[in-house]
Amino acid sequence: MEDYGDWIWDESEYNFFMSLNDVDKLEYVFDFFNFSEEDYEIEFFEFEPETNKEIVDGSVDITITDTHLIISCVDDSIIDRTITMLKLNGAILIPQDKIQGSRVYKFIGTTLPISLN
C-alpha cells in the first residue's frame, strides 16, 4: 500500500493508476482532488405511466410501385416521421394526394443519404 499523506491507495488502485498514460493520470488526479462522492449522486425519478392517454396503433403500411409510394397509418405524425426518414435516407418524393389515413407520393428516385453530422 502506498501512502501519500491523505491519499492512501491499495495495491489494485495503485496498479490501475500506473497503467494509465500521462494525460489520463492528470485527469484522474484532477477528478480525485476536485470531486467528492456527493458530486456523483444519481437521482432516481419515479415513472408514472400515463393511463388516461389514448393508445394509437403505430403500424405503418407502405406500398411501393415503380412510380409511386403509398403510406398509410392512423396517426399523421407517424406518417410525417416516416416520410422524413425516407427523405433523409435519400428518397426523392413529391406529394401527390392526401386521403384520410394515407398519403400518396410520386417516387422520383434516390440520391445519397443526407448526413446530419
PDB file of N, CA and C in Angstrom:
ATOM      1  N   MET A   1       0.841  -1.164   0.000  1.00  0.00           N
ATOM      2  CA  MET A   1       0.000   0.000   0.000  1.00  0.00           C
ATOM      3  C   MET A   1       0.897   1.240   0.000  1.00  0.00           C
ATOM      4  N   GLU A   2       0.605   2.157  -0.889  1.00  0.00           N
ATOM      5  CA  GLU A   2       1.366   3.394  -0.973  1.00  0.00           C
ATOM      6  C   GLU A   2       0.685   4.447  -0.103  1.00  0.00           C
ATOM      7  N   ASP A   3       1.470   5.242   0.602  1.00  0.00           N
ATOM      8  CA  ASP A   3       0.933   6.270   1.483  1.00  0.00           C
ATOM      9  C   ASP A   3       1.486   7.625   1.049  1.00  0.00           C
ATOM     10  N   TYR A   4       0.607   8.486   0.590  1.00  0.00           N
ATOM     11  CA  TYR A   4       0.994   9.828   0.181  1.00  0.00           C
ATOM     12  C   TYR A   4       0.167  10.825   0.987  1.00  0.00           C
ATOM     13  N   GLY A   5       0.336  10.859   2.287  1.00  0.00           N
ATOM     14  CA  GLY A   5      -0.425  11.763   3.141  1.00  0.00           C
ATOM     15  C   GLY A   5      -1.864  11.291   3.239  1.00  0.00           C
ATOM     16  N   ASP A   6      -2.794  12.145   2.857  1.00  0.00           N
ATOM     17  CA  ASP A   6      -4.220  11.796   2.899  1.00  0.00           C
ATOM     18  C   ASP A   6      -4.629  10.878   1.756  1.00  0.00           C
ATOM     19  N   TRP A   7      -3.750  10.712   0.821  1.00  0.00           N
ATOM     20  CA  TRP A   7      -4.062   9.933  -0.368  1.00  0.00           C
ATOM     21  C   TRP A   7      -3.477   8.539  -0.192  1.00  0.00           C
ATOM     22  N   ILE A   8      -4.286   7.590   0.264  1.00  0.00           N
ATOM     23  CA  ILE A   8      -3.822   6.229   0.535  1.00  0.00           C
ATOM     24  C   ILE A   8      -4.463   5.288  -0.487  1.00  0.00           C
ATOM     25  N   TRP A   9      -3.634   4.522  -1.178  1.00  0.00           N
ATOM     26  CA  TRP A   9      -4.112   3.615  -2.200  1.00  0.00           C
ATOM     27  C   TRP A   9      -3.844   2.176  -1.786  1.00  0.00           C
ATOM     28  N   ASP A  10      -4.766   1.311  -2.212  1.00  0.00           N
ATOM     29  CA  ASP A  10      -4.452  -0.114  -2.085  1.00  0.00           C
ATOM     30  C   ASP A  10      -3.685  -0.527  -3.343  1.00  0.00           C
ATOM     31  N   GLU A  11      -3.214  -1.724  -3.377  1.00  0.00           N
ATOM     32  CA  GLU A  11      -2.343  -2.168  -4.466  1.00  0.00           C
ATOM     33  C   GLU A  11      -3.054  -2.152  -5.821  1.00  0.00           C
ATOM     34  N   SER A  12      -4.310  -2.581  -5.867  1.00  0.00           N
ATOM     35  CA  SER A  12      -5.012  -2.634  -7.157  1.00  0.00           C
ATOM     36  C   SER A  12      -5.249  -1.238  -7.716  1.00  0.00           C
ATOM     37  N   GLU A  13      -5.585  -0.258  -6.852  1.00  0.00           N
ATOM     38  CA  GLU A  13      -5.789   1.103  -7.343  1.00  0.00           C
ATOM     39  C   GLU A  13      -4.470   1.703  -7.822  1.00  0.00           C
ATOM     40  N   TYR A  14      -3.407   1.440  -7.100  1.00  0.00           N
ATOM     41  CA  TYR A  14      -2.092   1.931  -7.499  1.00  0.00           C
ATOM     42  C   TYR A  14      -1.678   1.340  -8.845  1.00  0.00           C
ATOM     43  N   ASN A  15      -1.883   0.041  -9.025  1.00  0.00           N
ATOM     44  CA  ASN A  15      -1.533  -0.603 -10.295  1.00  0.00           C
ATOM     45  C   ASN A  15      -2.369  -0.059 -11.446  1.00  0.00           C
ATOM     46  N   PHE A  16      -3.663   0.207 -11.183  1.00  0.00           N
ATOM     47  CA  PHE A  16      -4.516   0.794 -12.215  1.00  0.00           C
ATOM     48  C   PHE A  16      -3.977   2.166 -12.612  1.00  0.00           C
ATOM     49  N   PHE A  17      -3.649   2.990 -11.612  1.00  0.00           N
ATOM     50  CA  PHE A  17      -3.149   4.333 -11.889  1.00  0.00           C
ATOM     51  C   PHE A  17      -1.856   4.281 -12.695  1.00  0.00           C
ATOM     52  N   MET A  18      -0.964   3.385 -12.346  1.00  0.00           N
ATOM     53  CA  MET A  18       0.309   3.289 -13.049  1.00  0.00           C
ATOM     54  C   MET A  18       0.145   2.770 -14.475  1.00  0.00           C
ATOM     55  N   SER A  19      -0.975   2.099 -14.769  1.00  0.00           N
ATOM     56  CA  SER A  19      -1.198   1.599 -16.128  1.00  0.00           C
ATOM     57  C   SER A  19      -1.715   2.686 -17.071  1.00  0.00           C
ATOM     58  N   LEU A  20      -2.142   3.830 -16.534  1.00  0.00           N
ATOM     59  CA  LEU A  20      -2.675   4.923 -17.355  1.00  0.00           C
ATOM     60  C   LEU A  20      -1.548   5.687 -18.049  1.00  0.00           C
ATOM     61  N   ASN A  21      -1.895   6.329 -19.174  1.00  0.00           N
ATOM     62  CA  ASN A  21      -0.905   7.195 -19.814  1.00  0.00           C
ATOM     63  C   ASN A  21      -0.879   8.535 -19.072  1.00  0.00           C
ATOM     64  N   ASP A  22       0.036   9.423 -19.422  1.00  0.00           N
ATOM     65  CA  ASP A  22       0.255  10.653 -18.661  1.00  0.00           C
ATOM     66  C   ASP A  22      -0.983  11.549 -18.608  1.00  0.00           C
ATOM     67  N   VAL A  23      -1.668  11.709 -19.733  1.00  0.00           N
ATOM     68  CA  VAL A  23      -2.855  12.571 -19.770  1.00  0.00           C
ATOM     69  C   VAL A  23      -3.958  11.989 -18.887  1.00  0.00           C
ATOM     70  N   ASP A  24      -4.166  10.677 -18.955  1.00  0.00           N
ATOM     71  CA  ASP A  24      -5.186  10.044 -18.126  1.00  0.00           C
ATOM     72  C   ASP A  24      -4.845  10.146 -16.647  1.00  0.00           C
ATOM     73  N   LYS A  25      -3.560  10.075 -16.318  1.00  0.00           N
ATOM     74  CA  LYS A  25      -3.143  10.240 -14.919  1.00  0.00           C
ATOM     75  C   LYS A  25      -3.487  11.640 -14.410  1.00  0.00           C
ATOM     76  N   LEU A  26      -3.228  12.658 -15.238  1.00  0.00           N
ATOM     77  CA  LEU A  26      -3.565  14.029 -14.845  1.00  0.00           C
ATOM     78  C   LEU A  26      -5.068  14.183 -14.620  1.00  0.00           C
ATOM     79  N   GLU A  27      -5.870  13.622 -15.521  1.00  0.00           N
ATOM     80  CA  GLU A  27      -7.324  13.710 -15.375  1.00  0.00           C
ATOM     81  C   GLU A  27      -7.800  12.965 -14.136  1.00  0.00           C
ATOM     82  N   TYR A  28      -7.204  11.833 -13.856  1.00  0.00           N
ATOM     83  CA  TYR A  28      -7.567  11.039 -12.681  1.00  0.00           C
ATOM     84  C   TYR A  28      -7.270  11.809 -11.394  1.00  0.00           C
ATOM     85  N   VAL A  29      -6.090  12.395 -11.316  1.00  0.00           N
ATOM     86  CA  VAL A  29      -5.711  13.156 -10.125  1.00  0.00           C
ATOM     87  C   VAL A  29      -6.586  14.390  -9.978  1.00  0.00           C
ATOM     88  N   PHE A  30      -6.875  15.080 -11.085  1.00  0.00           N
ATOM     89  CA  PHE A  30      -7.746  16.251 -11.038  1.00  0.00           C
ATOM     90  C   PHE A  30      -9.117  15.870 -10.486  1.00  0.00           C
ATOM     91  N   ASP A  31      -9.701  14.796 -11.013  1.00  0.00           N
ATOM     92  CA  ASP A  31     -11.004  14.341 -10.530  1.00  0.00           C
ATOM     93  C   ASP A  31     -10.943  13.930  -9.063  1.00  0.00           C
ATOM     94  N   PHE A  32      -9.868  13.281  -8.671  1.00  0.00           N
ATOM     95  CA  PHE A  32      -9.736  12.808  -7.292  1.00  0.00           C
ATOM     96  C   PHE A  32      -9.764  13.974  -6.307  1.00  0.00           C
ATOM     97  N   PHE A  33      -9.066  15.059  -6.643  1.00  0.00           N
ATOM     98  CA  PHE A  33      -8.975  16.183  -5.717  1.00  0.00           C
ATOM     99  C   PHE A  33     -10.122  17.185  -5.841  1.00  0.00           C
ATOM    100  N   ASN A  34     -10.827  17.195  -6.953  1.00  0.00           N
ATOM    101  CA  ASN A  34     -11.851  18.217  -7.161  1.00  0.00           C
ATOM    102  C   ASN A  34     -13.286  17.727  -7.039  1.00  0.00           C
ATOM    103  N   PHE A  35     -13.506  16.427  -6.996  1.00  0.00           N
ATOM    104  CA  PHE A  35     -14.868  15.920  -6.924  1.00  0.00           C
ATOM    105  C   PHE A  35     -14.993  14.982  -5.735  1.00  0.00           C
ATOM    106  N   SER A  36     -16.131  15.064  -5.086  1.00  0.00           N
ATOM    107  CA  SER A  36     -16.396  14.160  -3.966  1.00  0.00           C
ATOM    108  C   SER A  36     -17.472  13.166  -4.389  1.00  0.00           C
ATOM    109  N   GLU A  37     -17.753  12.205  -3.524  1.00  0.00           N
ATOM    110  CA  GLU A  37     -18.769  11.205  -3.849  1.00  0.00           C
ATOM    111  C   GLU A  37     -20.143  11.836  -3.993  1.00  0.00           C
ATOM    112  N   GLU A  38     -20.400  12.934  -3.280  1.00  0.00           N
ATOM    113  CA  GLU A  38     -21.701  13.604  -3.382  1.00  0.00           C
ATOM    114  C   GLU A  38     -21.924  14.177  -4.778  1.00  0.00           C
ATOM    115  N   ASP A  39     -20.844  14.525  -5.477  1.00  0.00           N
ATOM    116  CA  ASP A  39     -20.971  15.069  -6.830  1.00  0.00           C
ATOM    117  C   ASP A  39     -21.482  14.030  -7.813  1.00  0.00           C
ATOM    118  N   TYR A  40     -21.337  12.753  -7.470  1.00  0.00           N
ATOM    119  CA  TYR A  40     -21.706  11.686  -8.383  1.00  0.00           C
ATOM    120  C   TYR A  40     -23.011  11.011  -7.998  1.00  0.00           C
ATOM    121  N   GLU A  41     -23.787  11.621  -7.105  1.00  0.00           N
ATOM    122  CA  GLU A  41     -25.052  11.013  -6.709  1.00  0.00           C
ATOM    123  C   GLU A  41     -26.001  10.993  -7.896  1.00  0.00           C
ATOM    124  N   ILE A  42     -26.699   9.914  -8.024  1.00  0.00           N
ATOM    125  CA  ILE A  42     -27.653   9.750  -9.116  1.00  0.00           C
ATOM    126  C   ILE A  42     -29.049   9.925  -8.555  1.00  0.00           C
ATOM    127  N   GLU A  43     -29.816  10.770  -9.196  1.00  0.00           N
ATOM    128  CA  GLU A  43     -31.193  10.971  -8.762  1.00  0.00           C
ATOM    129  C   GLU A  43     -32.092  10.021  -9.550  1.00  0.00           C
ATOM    130  N   PHE A  44     -32.983   9.381  -8.839  1.00  0.00           N
ATOM    131  CA  PHE A  44     -33.926   8.482  -9.477  1.00  0.00           C
ATOM    132  C   PHE A  44     -35.294   9.148  -9.513  1.00  0.00           C
ATOM    133  N   PHE A  45     -35.929   9.056 -10.641  1.00  0.00           N
ATOM    134  CA  PHE A  45     -37.239   9.654 -10.809  1.00  0.00           C
ATOM    135  C   PHE A  45     -38.283   8.555 -10.888  1.00  0.00           C
ATOM    136  N   GLU A  46     -39.398   8.836 -10.295  1.00  0.00           N
ATOM    137  CA  GLU A  46     -40.499   7.885 -10.357  1.00  0.00           C
ATOM    138  C   GLU A  46     -41.161   7.985 -11.723  1.00  0.00           C
ATOM    139  N   PHE A  47     -41.403   6.870 -12.315  1.00  0.00           N
ATOM    140  CA  PHE A  47     -42.065   6.833 -13.613  1.00  0.00           C
ATOM    141  C   PHE A  47     -43.514   6.432 -13.404  1.00  0.00           C
ATOM    142  N   GLU A  48     -44.404   7.305 -13.815  1.00  0.00           N
ATOM    143  CA  GLU A  48     -45.823   7.002 -13.728  1.00  0.00           C
ATOM    144  C   GLU A  48     -46.380   6.930 -15.147  1.00  0.00           C
ATOM    145  N   PRO A  49     -46.788   5.766 -15.562  1.00  0.00           N
ATOM    146  CA  PRO A  49     -47.328   5.663 -16.922  1.00  0.00           C
ATOM    147  C   PRO A  49     -48.619   6.458 -17.053  1.00  0.00           C
ATOM    148  N   GLU A  50     -48.776   7.066 -18.199  1.00  0.00           N
ATOM    149  CA  GLU A  50     -49.979   7.851 -18.459  1.00  0.00           C
ATOM    150  C   GLU A  50     -51.093   6.902 -18.862  1.00  0.00           C
ATOM    151  N   THR A  51     -52.024   6.710 -17.968  1.00  0.00           N
ATOM    152  CA  THR A  51     -53.092   5.748 -18.219  1.00  0.00           C
ATOM    153  C   THR A  51     -54.272   6.372 -18.949  1.00  0.00           C
ATOM    154  N   ASN A  52     -54.400   7.693 -18.877  1.00  0.00           N
ATOM    155  CA  ASN A  52     -55.551   8.327 -19.498  1.00  0.00           C
ATOM    156  C   ASN A  52     -55.317   8.688 -20.961  1.00  0.00           C
ATOM    157  N   LYS A  53     -54.150   8.399 -21.475  1.00  0.00           N
ATOM    158  CA  LYS A  53     -53.850   8.700 -22.873  1.00  0.00           C
ATOM    159  C   LYS A  53     -54.373   7.586 -23.777  1.00  0.00           C
ATOM    160  N   GLU A  54     -54.939   7.977 -24.886  1.00  0.00           N
ATOM    161  CA  GLU A  54     -55.473   7.010 -25.835  1.00  0.00           C
ATOM    162  C   GLU A  54     -54.333   6.307 -26.564  1.00  0.00           C
ATOM    163  N   ILE A  55     -54.403   5.001 -26.645  1.00  0.00           N
ATOM    164  CA  ILE A  55     -53.371   4.227 -27.326  1.00  0.00           C
ATOM    165  C   ILE A  55     -53.657   4.246 -28.826  1.00  0.00           C
ATOM    166  N   VAL A  56     -52.630   4.624 -29.593  1.00  0.00           N
ATOM    167  CA  VAL A  56     -52.772   4.741 -31.038  1.00  0.00           C
ATOM    168  C   VAL A  56     -51.997   3.606 -31.693  1.00  0.00           C
ATOM    169  N   ASP A  57     -52.621   2.983 -32.688  1.00  0.00           N
ATOM    170  CA  ASP A  57     -51.947   1.930 -33.439  1.00  0.00           C
ATOM    171  C   ASP A  57     -50.830   2.564 -34.253  1.00  0.00           C
ATOM    172  N   GLY A  58     -49.597   2.142 -34.024  1.00  0.00           N
ATOM    173  CA  GLY A  58     -48.454   2.752 -34.682  1.00  0.00           C
ATOM    174  C   GLY A  58     -47.984   2.018 -35.917  1.00  0.00           C
ATOM    175  N   SER A  59     -48.780   1.083 -36.410  1.00  0.00           N
ATOM    176  CA  SER A  59     -48.330   0.341 -37.585  1.00  0.00           C
ATOM    177  C   SER A  59     -48.404   1.221 -38.831  1.00  0.00           C
ATOM    178  N   VAL A  60     -47.407   1.059 -39.672  1.00  0.00           N
ATOM    179  CA  VAL A  60     -47.314   1.831 -40.910  1.00  0.00           C
ATOM    180  C   VAL A  60     -47.314   0.855 -42.070  1.00  0.00           C
ATOM    181  N   ASP A  61     -48.206   1.082 -43.021  1.00  0.00           N
ATOM    182  CA  ASP A  61     -48.258   0.263 -44.232  1.00  0.00           C
ATOM    183  C   ASP A  61     -47.695   1.082 -45.382  1.00  0.00           C
ATOM    184  N   ILE A  62     -46.700   0.536 -46.060  1.00  0.00           N
ATOM    185  CA  ILE A  62     -46.073   1.224 -47.186  1.00  0.00           C
ATOM    186  C   ILE A  62     -46.191   0.341 -48.414  1.00  0.00           C
ATOM    187  N   THR A  63     -46.716   0.929 -49.470  1.00  0.00           N
ATOM    188  CA  THR A  63     -46.811   0.242 -50.757  1.00  0.00           C
ATOM    189  C   THR A  63     -45.943   1.011 -51.747  1.00  0.00           C
ATOM    190  N   ILE A  64     -45.015   0.301 -52.372  1.00  0.00           N
ATOM    191  CA  ILE A  64     -44.106   0.934 -53.325  1.00  0.00           C
ATOM    192  C   ILE A  64     -44.326   0.304 -54.694  1.00  0.00           C
ATOM    193  N   THR A  65     -44.616   1.159 -55.668  1.00  0.00           N
ATOM    194  CA  THR A  65     -44.707   0.700 -57.050  1.00  0.00           C
ATOM    195  C   THR A  65     -43.499   1.279 -57.791  1.00  0.00           C
ATOM    196  N   ASP A  66     -43.463   1.100 -59.094  1.00  0.00           N
ATOM    197  CA  ASP A  66     -42.331   1.646 -59.841  1.00  0.00           C
ATOM    198  C   ASP A  66     -42.385   3.173 -59.936  1.00  0.00           C
ATOM    199  N   THR A  67     -43.558   3.788 -59.730  1.00  0.00           N
ATOM    200  CA  THR A  67     -43.668   5.246 -59.844  1.00  0.00           C
ATOM    201  C   THR A  67     -44.193   5.933 -58.589  1.00  0.00           C
ATOM    202  N   HIS A  68     -44.830   5.200 -57.679  1.00  0.00           N
ATOM    203  CA  HIS A  68     -45.466   5.836 -56.529  1.00  0.00           C
ATOM    204  C   HIS A  68     -45.156   5.118 -55.219  1.00  0.00           C
ATOM    205  N   LEU A  69     -45.337   5.857 -54.145  1.00  0.00           N
ATOM    206  CA  LEU A  69     -45.221   5.335 -52.797  1.00  0.00           C
ATOM    207  C   LEU A  69     -46.497   5.723 -52.056  1.00  0.00           C
ATOM    208  N   ILE A  70     -47.172   4.746 -51.488  1.00  0.00           N
ATOM    209  CA  ILE A  70     -48.397   4.995 -50.724  1.00  0.00           C
ATOM    210  C   ILE A  70     -48.114   4.582 -49.288  1.00  0.00           C
ATOM    211  N   ILE A  71     -48.334   5.507 -48.375  1.00  0.00           N
ATOM    212  CA  ILE A  71     -48.075   5.237 -46.961  1.00  0.00           C
ATOM    213  C   ILE A  71     -49.369   5.465 -46.182  1.00  0.00           C
ATOM    214  N   SER A  72     -49.719   4.494 -45.327  1.00  0.00           N
ATOM    215  CA  SER A  72     -50.961   4.549 -44.560  1.00  0.00           C
ATOM    216  C   SER A  72     -50.677   4.320 -43.081  1.00  0.00           C
ATOM    217  N   CYS A  73     -51.329   5.135 -42.250  1.00  0.00           N
ATOM    218  CA  CYS A  73     -51.218   4.999 -40.799  1.00  0.00           C
ATOM    219  C   CYS A  73     -52.342   5.797 -40.160  1.00  0.00           C
ATOM    220  N   VAL A  74     -52.753   5.401 -38.969  1.00  0.00           N
ATOM    221  CA  VAL A  74     -53.821   6.107 -38.263  1.00  0.00           C
ATOM    222  C   VAL A  74     -53.337   7.471 -37.785  1.00  0.00           C
ATOM    223  N   ASP A  75     -52.076   7.566 -37.380  1.00  0.00           N
ATOM    224  CA  ASP A  75     -51.517   8.798 -36.820  1.00  0.00           C
ATOM    225  C   ASP A  75     -50.710   9.539 -37.886  1.00  0.00           C
ATOM    226  N   ASP A  76     -51.105  10.785 -38.196  1.00  0.00           N
ATOM    227  CA  ASP A  76     -50.411  11.566 -39.217  1.00  0.00           C
ATOM    228  C   ASP A  76     -48.976  11.903 -38.826  1.00  0.00           C
ATOM    229  N   SER A  77     -48.694  12.051 -37.524  1.00  0.00           N
ATOM    230  CA  SER A  77     -47.322  12.383 -37.113  1.00  0.00           C
ATOM    231  C   SER A  77     -46.374  11.221 -37.404  1.00  0.00           C
ATOM    232  N   ILE A  78     -46.872   9.990 -37.327  1.00  0.00           N
ATOM    233  CA  ILE A  78     -46.039   8.831 -37.665  1.00  0.00           C
ATOM    234  C   ILE A  78     -45.754   8.822 -39.165  1.00  0.00           C
ATOM    235  N   ILE A  79     -46.743   9.194 -39.972  1.00  0.00           N
ATOM    236  CA  ILE A  79     -46.525   9.296 -41.424  1.00  0.00           C
ATOM    237  C   ILE A  79     -45.462  10.354 -41.710  1.00  0.00           C
ATOM    238  N   ASP A  80     -45.567  11.518 -41.042  1.00  0.00           N
ATOM    239  CA  ASP A  80     -44.586  12.590 -41.254  1.00  0.00           C
ATOM    240  C   ASP A  80     -43.175  12.137 -40.892  1.00  0.00           C
ATOM    241  N   ARG A  81     -43.036  11.442 -39.770  1.00  0.00           N
ATOM    242  CA  ARG A  81     -41.706  10.971 -39.355  1.00  0.00           C
ATOM    243  C   ARG A  81     -41.172   9.911 -40.317  1.00  0.00           C
ATOM    244  N   THR A  82     -42.047   9.053 -40.814  1.00  0.00           N
ATOM    245  CA  THR A  82     -41.615   8.016 -41.748  1.00  0.00           C
ATOM    246  C   THR A  82     -41.155   8.640 -43.068  1.00  0.00           C
ATOM    247  N   ILE A  83     -41.894   9.616 -43.576  1.00  0.00           N
ATOM    248  CA  ILE A  83     -41.506  10.297 -44.822  1.00  0.00           C
ATOM    249  C   ILE A  83     -40.190  11.043 -44.626  1.00  0.00           C
ATOM    250  N   THR A  84     -40.034  11.698 -43.474  1.00  0.00           N
ATOM    251  CA  THR A  84     -38.784  12.407 -43.187  1.00  0.00           C
ATOM    252  C   THR A  84     -37.617  11.434 -43.177  1.00  0.00           C
ATOM    253  N   MET A  85     -37.810  10.258 -42.556  1.00  0.00           N
ATOM    254  CA  MET A  85     -36.749   9.254 -42.517  1.00  0.00           C
ATOM    255  C   MET A  85     -36.395   8.783 -43.934  1.00  0.00           C
ATOM    256  N   LEU A  86     -37.409   8.565 -44.766  1.00  0.00           N
ATOM    257  CA  LEU A  86     -37.150   8.138 -46.142  1.00  0.00           C
ATOM    258  C   LEU A  86     -36.373   9.202 -46.912  1.00  0.00           C
ATOM    259  N   LYS A  87     -36.740  10.480 -46.715  1.00  0.00           N
ATOM    260  CA  LYS A  87     -36.039  11.565 -47.400  1.00  0.00           C
ATOM    261  C   LYS A  87     -34.597  11.689 -46.914  1.00  0.00           C
ATOM    262  N   LEU A  88     -34.374  11.523 -45.598  1.00  0.00           N
ATOM    263  CA  LEU A  88     -33.011  11.574 -45.071  1.00  0.00           C
ATOM    264  C   LEU A  88     -32.164  10.438 -45.610  1.00  0.00           C
ATOM    265  N   ASN A  89     -32.803   9.319 -45.930  1.00  0.00           N
ATOM    266  CA  ASN A  89     -32.080   8.172 -46.476  1.00  0.00           C
ATOM    267  C   ASN A  89     -31.924   8.256 -47.988  1.00  0.00           C
ATOM    268  N   GLY A  90     -32.325   9.385 -48.581  1.00  0.00           N
ATOM    269  CA  GLY A  90     -32.035   9.619 -49.992  1.00  0.00           C
ATOM    270  C   GLY A  90     -33.207   9.500 -50.947  1.00  0.00           C
ATOM    271  N   ALA A  91     -34.410   9.226 -50.450  1.00  0.00           N
ATOM    272  CA  ALA A  91     -35.560   9.117 -51.353  1.00  0.00           C
ATOM    273  C   ALA A  91     -36.001  10.511 -51.807  1.00  0.00           C
ATOM    274  N   ILE A  92     -36.265  10.654 -53.099  1.00  0.00           N
ATOM    275  CA  ILE A  92     -36.785  11.904 -53.646  1.00  0.00           C
ATOM    276  C   ILE A  92     -38.263  11.668 -53.907  1.00  0.00           C
ATOM    277  N   LEU A  93     -39.118  12.343 -53.120  1.00  0.00           N
ATOM    278  CA  LEU A  93     -40.564  12.130 -53.171  1.00  0.00           C
ATOM    279  C   LEU A  93     -41.286  13.445 -53.400  1.00  0.00           C
ATOM    280  N   ILE A  94     -42.346  13.397 -54.222  1.00  0.00           N
ATOM    281  CA  ILE A  94     -43.203  14.560 -54.449  1.00  0.00           C
ATOM    282  C   ILE A  94     -44.608  14.198 -53.976  1.00  0.00           C
ATOM    283  N   PRO A  95     -45.166  14.954 -53.004  1.00  0.00           N
ATOM    284  CA  PRO A  95     -46.516  14.633 -52.543  1.00  0.00           C
ATOM    285  C   PRO A  95     -47.544  14.839 -53.652  1.00  0.00           C
ATOM    286  N   GLN A  96     -48.469  13.878 -53.770  1.00  0.00           N
ATOM    287  CA  GLN A  96     -49.485  13.987 -54.813  1.00  0.00           C
ATOM    288  C   GLN A  96     -50.904  14.011 -54.263  1.00  0.00           C
ATOM    289  N   ASP A  97     -51.187  13.192 -53.266  1.00  0.00           N
ATOM    290  CA  ASP A  97     -52.555  13.115 -52.766  1.00  0.00           C
ATOM    291  C   ASP A  97     -52.539  12.805 -51.286  1.00  0.00           C
ATOM    292  N   LYS A  98     -53.521  13.389 -50.583  1.00  0.00           N
ATOM    293  CA  LYS A  98     -53.641  13.150 -49.154  1.00  0.00           C
ATOM    294  C   LYS A  98     -55.076  12.721 -48.872  1.00  0.00           C
ATOM    295  N   ILE A  99     -55.205  11.455 -48.516  1.00  0.00           N
ATOM    296  CA  ILE A  99     -56.506  10.886 -48.169  1.00  0.00           C
ATOM    297  C   ILE A  99     -56.447  10.575 -46.674  1.00  0.00           C
ATOM    298  N   GLN A 100     -57.578  10.600 -45.993  1.00  0.00           N
ATOM    299  CA  GLN A 100     -57.581  10.362 -44.553  1.00  0.00           C
ATOM    300  C   GLN A 100     -56.862   9.053 -44.219  1.00  0.00           C
ATOM    301  N   GLY A 101     -55.773   9.159 -43.474  1.00  0.00           N
ATOM    302  CA  GLY A 101     -55.017   7.982 -43.064  1.00  0.00           C
ATOM    303  C   GLY A 101     -54.002   7.509 -44.087  1.00  0.00           C
ATOM    304  N   SER A 102     -53.949   8.108 -45.264  1.00  0.00           N
ATOM    305  CA  SER A 102     -52.999   7.688 -46.300  1.00  0.00           C
ATOM    306  C   SER A 102     -52.461   8.897 -47.046  1.00  0.00           C
ATOM    307  N   ARG A 103     -51.275   8.727 -47.565  1.00  0.00           N
ATOM    308  CA  ARG A 103     -50.684   9.751 -48.429  1.00  0.00           C
ATOM    309  C   ARG A 103     -50.041   9.062 -49.628  1.00  0.00           C
ATOM    310  N   VAL A 104     -50.120   9.732 -50.753  1.00  0.00           N
ATOM    311  CA  VAL A 104     -49.554   9.205 -51.996  1.00  0.00           C
ATOM    312  C   VAL A 104     -48.443  10.157 -52.431  1.00  0.00           C
ATOM    313  N   TYR A 105     -47.271   9.580 -52.721  1.00  0.00           N
ATOM    314  CA  TYR A 105     -46.117  10.347 -53.176  1.00  0.00           C
ATOM    315  C   TYR A 105     -45.638   9.775 -54.492  1.00  0.00           C
ATOM    316  N   LYS A 106     -45.222  10.670 -55.397  1.00  0.00           N
ATOM    317  CA  LYS A 106     -44.589  10.224 -56.630  1.00  0.00           C
ATOM    318  C   LYS A 106     -43.125   9.979 -56.316  1.00  0.00           C
ATOM    319  N   PHE A 107     -42.652   8.782 -56.663  1.00  0.00           N
ATOM    320  CA  PHE A 107     -41.267   8.389 -56.408  1.00  0.00           C
ATOM    321  C   PHE A 107     -40.422   8.795 -57.601  1.00  0.00           C
ATOM    322  N   ILE A 108     -39.516   9.779 -57.392  1.00  0.00           N
ATOM    323  CA  ILE A 108     -38.664  10.287 -58.466  1.00  0.00           C
ATOM    324  C   ILE A 108     -37.390   9.452 -58.577  1.00  0.00           C
ATOM    325  N   GLY A 109     -36.787   9.124 -57.462  1.00  0.00           N
ATOM    326  CA  GLY A 109     -35.546   8.362 -57.473  1.00  0.00           C
ATOM    327  C   GLY A 109     -34.873   8.453 -56.108  1.00  0.00           C
ATOM    328  N   THR A 110     -33.605   8.137 -56.106  1.00  0.00           N
ATOM    329  CA  THR A 110     -32.829   8.211 -54.863  1.00  0.00           C
ATOM    330  C   THR A 110     -31.555   8.992 -55.096  1.00  0.00           C
ATOM    331  N   THR A 111     -31.025   9.505 -54.029  1.00  0.00           N
ATOM    332  CA  THR A 111     -29.764  10.222 -54.039  1.00  0.00           C
ATOM    333  C   THR A 111     -28.957   9.754 -52.828  1.00  0.00           C
ATOM    334  N   LEU A 112     -27.808  10.318 -52.631  1.00  0.00           N
ATOM    335  CA  LEU A 112     -27.017   9.966 -51.455  1.00  0.00           C
ATOM    336  C   LEU A 112     -27.760  10.396 -50.195  1.00  0.00           C
ATOM    337  N   PRO A 113     -27.676   9.605 -49.126  1.00  0.00           N
ATOM    338  CA  PRO A 113     -28.347   9.992 -47.878  1.00  0.00           C
ATOM    339  C   PRO A 113     -27.830  11.315 -47.356  1.00  0.00           C
ATOM    340  N   ILE A 114     -28.703  12.055 -46.691  1.00  0.00           N
ATOM    341  CA  ILE A 114     -28.349  13.342 -46.105  1.00  0.00           C
ATOM    342  C   ILE A 114     -27.689  13.092 -44.770  1.00  0.00           C
ATOM    343  N   SER A 115     -26.514  13.629 -44.554  1.00  0.00           N
ATOM    344  CA  SER A 115     -25.812  13.465 -43.289  1.00  0.00           C
ATOM    345  C   SER A 115     -26.109  14.641 -42.388  1.00  0.00           C
ATOM    346  N   LEU A 116     -26.468  14.364 -41.140  1.00  0.00           N
ATOM    347  CA  LEU A 116     -26.730  15.416 -40.183  1.00  0.00           C
ATOM    348  C   LEU A 116     -25.521  15.745 -39.330  1.00  0.00           C
ATOM    349  N   ASN A 117     -24.414  15.091 -39.604  1.00  0.00           N
ATOM    350  CA  ASN A 117     -23.203  15.352 -38.812  1.00  0.00           C
ATOM    351  C   ASN A 117     -22.440  16.516 -39.352  1.00  0.00           C
TER     352      ASN A 117
END
